[in-house]
N, C-alpha and C. Protein backbone atom coordinates (compact mmCIF):
# COMPACT_ATOMS: atom_id res chain seq x y z
N UNK A 1 48.84 34.58 -15.80
CA UNK A 1 48.81 33.43 -17.05
C UNK A 1 49.53 34.01 -18.13
N UNK A 2 50.65 32.96 -18.55
CA UNK A 2 51.62 33.29 -19.43
C UNK A 2 50.80 33.59 -20.94
N UNK A 3 51.24 34.68 -21.82
CA UNK A 3 50.78 34.87 -22.76
C UNK A 3 50.41 33.80 -23.66
N UNK A 4 51.34 32.73 -23.81
CA UNK A 4 51.38 31.59 -24.75
C UNK A 4 50.25 30.61 -24.30
N UNK A 5 49.94 30.63 -22.79
CA UNK A 5 48.67 29.88 -22.41
C UNK A 5 47.44 30.35 -22.86
N UNK A 6 47.52 31.92 -22.66
CA UNK A 6 46.13 32.63 -23.17
C UNK A 6 45.90 32.26 -24.73
N UNK A 7 47.03 32.52 -25.47
CA UNK A 7 46.81 32.39 -26.93
C UNK A 7 46.13 30.76 -27.15
N UNK A 8 46.76 29.88 -26.60
CA UNK A 8 46.52 28.48 -26.69
C UNK A 8 45.11 28.11 -26.38
N UNK A 9 44.54 28.78 -25.38
CA UNK A 9 43.33 28.75 -24.62
C UNK A 9 42.30 29.33 -25.65
N UNK A 10 42.89 30.63 -26.18
CA UNK A 10 41.72 31.32 -27.27
C UNK A 10 41.80 30.57 -28.58
N UNK A 11 42.68 29.65 -28.85
CA UNK A 11 42.58 28.90 -30.25
C UNK A 11 41.49 27.86 -29.98
N UNK A 12 41.02 27.45 -28.99
CA UNK A 12 39.89 26.58 -28.69
C UNK A 12 38.64 27.24 -28.82
N UNK A 13 37.67 26.68 -29.67
CA UNK A 13 36.26 27.54 -29.66
C UNK A 13 35.53 27.15 -28.66
N UNK A 14 35.54 25.63 -28.24
CA UNK A 14 34.67 25.04 -27.52
C UNK A 14 35.25 24.35 -26.28
N UNK A 15 35.16 24.44 -25.08
CA UNK A 15 35.94 24.01 -23.96
C UNK A 15 35.18 22.70 -23.18
N UNK A 16 33.92 22.44 -23.56
CA UNK A 16 33.14 21.44 -22.89
C UNK A 16 33.12 21.70 -21.50
N UNK A 17 32.71 20.76 -20.92
CA UNK A 17 32.10 20.69 -19.57
C UNK A 17 33.35 20.63 -18.74
N UNK A 18 33.15 21.30 -17.45
CA UNK A 18 34.13 21.45 -16.61
C UNK A 18 34.41 20.07 -15.90
N UNK A 19 33.42 19.47 -15.57
CA UNK A 19 33.33 18.06 -14.81
C UNK A 19 32.32 17.21 -15.81
N UNK A 20 32.78 15.88 -15.78
CA UNK A 20 31.81 14.95 -16.50
C UNK A 20 30.54 14.73 -15.78
N UNK A 21 29.55 14.60 -16.41
CA UNK A 21 28.32 14.34 -15.89
C UNK A 21 28.18 13.37 -14.55
N UNK A 22 29.16 12.34 -14.74
CA UNK A 22 29.06 11.29 -13.72
C UNK A 22 30.41 11.61 -12.80
N UNK A 23 30.90 12.97 -12.34
CA UNK A 23 31.66 13.17 -11.55
C UNK A 23 31.57 12.59 -10.20
N UNK A 24 30.46 12.66 -9.69
CA UNK A 24 30.34 12.02 -8.29
C UNK A 24 30.63 10.40 -8.46
N UNK A 25 30.20 9.80 -9.39
CA UNK A 25 30.44 8.23 -9.50
C UNK A 25 31.95 7.97 -9.57
N UNK A 26 32.74 8.92 -10.48
CA UNK A 26 34.15 8.81 -10.53
C UNK A 26 34.56 8.99 -8.90
N UNK A 27 34.38 10.15 -8.46
CA UNK A 27 34.88 10.30 -6.90
C UNK A 27 34.50 9.26 -6.14
N UNK A 28 33.29 8.63 -6.24
CA UNK A 28 33.06 7.51 -5.44
C UNK A 28 34.02 6.18 -5.75
N UNK A 29 34.06 6.03 -7.00
CA UNK A 29 35.15 4.98 -7.36
C UNK A 29 36.37 5.10 -6.82
N UNK A 30 36.96 6.36 -6.78
CA UNK A 30 38.41 6.62 -6.11
C UNK A 30 38.33 6.32 -4.55
N UNK A 31 37.31 6.83 -4.07
CA UNK A 31 36.94 6.51 -2.65
C UNK A 31 36.98 4.93 -2.20
N UNK A 32 36.25 4.28 -3.17
CA UNK A 32 36.11 2.75 -2.88
C UNK A 32 37.51 2.21 -3.07
N UNK A 33 38.47 2.77 -3.92
CA UNK A 33 39.78 2.18 -4.11
C UNK A 33 40.78 2.66 -3.12
N UNK A 34 40.05 3.32 -1.87
CA UNK A 34 41.05 3.90 -0.82
C UNK A 34 41.54 5.25 -0.86
N UNK A 35 41.50 6.08 -1.93
CA UNK A 35 41.91 7.48 -2.03
C UNK A 35 40.82 8.19 -0.94
N UNK A 36 41.54 9.21 -0.41
CA UNK A 36 40.89 10.07 0.59
C UNK A 36 40.60 11.42 -0.39
N UNK A 37 39.60 11.37 -1.02
CA UNK A 37 39.24 12.40 -1.91
C UNK A 37 39.24 13.68 -1.34
N UNK A 38 38.58 13.90 -0.06
CA UNK A 38 38.66 15.13 0.58
C UNK A 38 40.19 15.73 0.75
N UNK A 39 41.10 14.79 1.28
CA UNK A 39 42.52 15.17 1.39
C UNK A 39 43.14 15.49 0.27
N UNK A 40 42.97 14.77 -0.86
CA UNK A 40 43.45 15.26 -2.36
C UNK A 40 42.93 16.61 -2.39
N UNK A 41 41.89 16.72 -2.43
CA UNK A 41 41.27 18.14 -2.88
C UNK A 41 41.90 19.25 -2.10
N UNK A 42 42.05 19.02 -0.77
CA UNK A 42 42.47 19.97 0.26
C UNK A 42 43.95 20.24 -0.11
N UNK A 43 44.88 19.05 -0.65
CA UNK A 43 46.03 19.10 -0.95
C UNK A 43 46.20 20.16 -2.50
N UNK A 44 45.42 19.71 -3.13
CA UNK A 44 45.44 20.56 -4.49
C UNK A 44 45.08 22.03 -4.40
N UNK A 45 44.21 22.20 -3.27
CA UNK A 45 43.65 23.58 -3.14
C UNK A 45 44.93 24.23 -2.57
N UNK A 46 45.40 23.77 -1.65
CA UNK A 46 46.67 24.34 -1.04
C UNK A 46 47.70 24.64 -2.05
N UNK A 47 48.03 23.58 -2.91
CA UNK A 47 49.09 23.88 -3.77
C UNK A 47 48.97 24.85 -4.98
N UNK A 48 47.33 24.91 -5.19
CA UNK A 48 47.07 25.87 -6.05
C UNK A 48 47.13 27.37 -5.68
N UNK A 49 46.88 27.43 -4.32
CA UNK A 49 46.85 28.87 -3.65
C UNK A 49 48.31 29.32 -3.59
N UNK A 50 49.28 28.31 -3.18
CA UNK A 50 50.58 28.63 -3.14
C UNK A 50 51.19 29.08 -4.37
N UNK A 51 50.78 28.20 -5.22
CA UNK A 51 51.46 28.72 -6.86
C UNK A 51 51.01 30.04 -7.15
N UNK A 52 49.83 30.22 -6.98
CA UNK A 52 49.19 31.52 -7.50
C UNK A 52 49.87 32.71 -6.52
N UNK A 53 50.06 32.54 -5.12
CA UNK A 53 50.58 33.55 -4.26
C UNK A 53 52.03 33.77 -4.79
N UNK A 54 52.64 32.85 -5.33
CA UNK A 54 54.04 32.86 -5.70
C UNK A 54 54.21 33.67 -6.97
N UNK A 55 53.30 33.49 -7.97
CA UNK A 55 53.19 34.05 -9.28
C UNK A 55 52.67 35.46 -8.82
N UNK A 56 51.88 35.49 -8.04
CA UNK A 56 51.51 37.11 -7.79
C UNK A 56 52.45 37.88 -7.14
N UNK A 57 53.38 37.36 -6.00
CA UNK A 57 54.48 38.00 -5.59
C UNK A 57 55.47 38.23 -6.61
N UNK A 58 55.75 37.44 -7.49
CA UNK A 58 56.68 37.49 -8.43
C UNK A 58 56.51 38.72 -9.29
N UNK A 59 55.25 38.68 -9.83
CA UNK A 59 54.74 40.00 -10.60
C UNK A 59 54.90 41.04 -10.05
N UNK A 60 54.36 41.24 -8.72
CA UNK A 60 54.58 42.62 -7.79
C UNK A 60 56.14 42.89 -7.86
N UNK A 61 56.93 41.89 -7.71
CA UNK A 61 58.53 42.33 -7.62
C UNK A 61 58.95 42.85 -8.84
N UNK A 62 58.51 42.24 -10.00
CA UNK A 62 58.80 42.62 -11.34
C UNK A 62 58.51 44.13 -11.46
N UNK A 63 57.18 44.24 -11.05
CA UNK A 63 56.46 45.66 -11.33
C UNK A 63 57.22 46.73 -10.64
N UNK A 64 57.64 46.18 -9.42
CA UNK A 64 58.54 47.15 -8.47
C UNK A 64 59.87 47.68 -8.83
N UNK A 65 60.49 46.43 -9.51
CA UNK A 65 61.86 46.65 -10.01
C UNK A 65 61.81 47.41 -11.26
N UNK A 66 60.77 47.23 -12.08
CA UNK A 66 60.72 48.11 -13.47
C UNK A 66 60.36 49.40 -13.09
N UNK A 67 59.50 49.73 -11.79
CA UNK A 67 59.17 51.16 -11.43
C UNK A 67 60.56 51.93 -10.94
N UNK A 68 61.13 51.09 -10.15
CA UNK A 68 62.80 51.81 -9.77
C UNK A 68 63.57 52.21 -10.79
N UNK A 69 63.52 51.19 -11.82
CA UNK A 69 64.33 51.64 -12.98
C UNK A 69 63.89 52.81 -13.80
N UNK A 70 62.58 53.00 -13.83
CA UNK A 70 61.92 54.13 -14.66
C UNK A 70 61.97 55.33 -13.60
N UNK A 71 62.17 55.15 -12.29
CA UNK A 71 62.30 56.36 -11.55
C UNK A 71 63.84 57.07 -11.62
N UNK A 72 64.67 55.82 -11.75
CA UNK A 72 66.22 56.18 -11.74
C UNK A 72 66.26 56.85 -13.20
N UNK A 73 65.83 56.68 -14.23
CA UNK A 73 65.94 57.05 -15.71
C UNK A 73 65.72 58.62 -15.60
């Protein structure tokens, strides 16, 4: 997570609930409106995993590059 994001997160003293108390009702309303909430959840999960993997691989590449520079110095 970028440092600016961590700092912004730390600036908040309270975070509140992760989901509203009526989350099941909200999801039921989406389903009634024709949204496939399971498909949406699966898509969001897949996109989240892919984003994390990309960031992780970028971090590892950065570390490897800096390690090689230090070895050469």
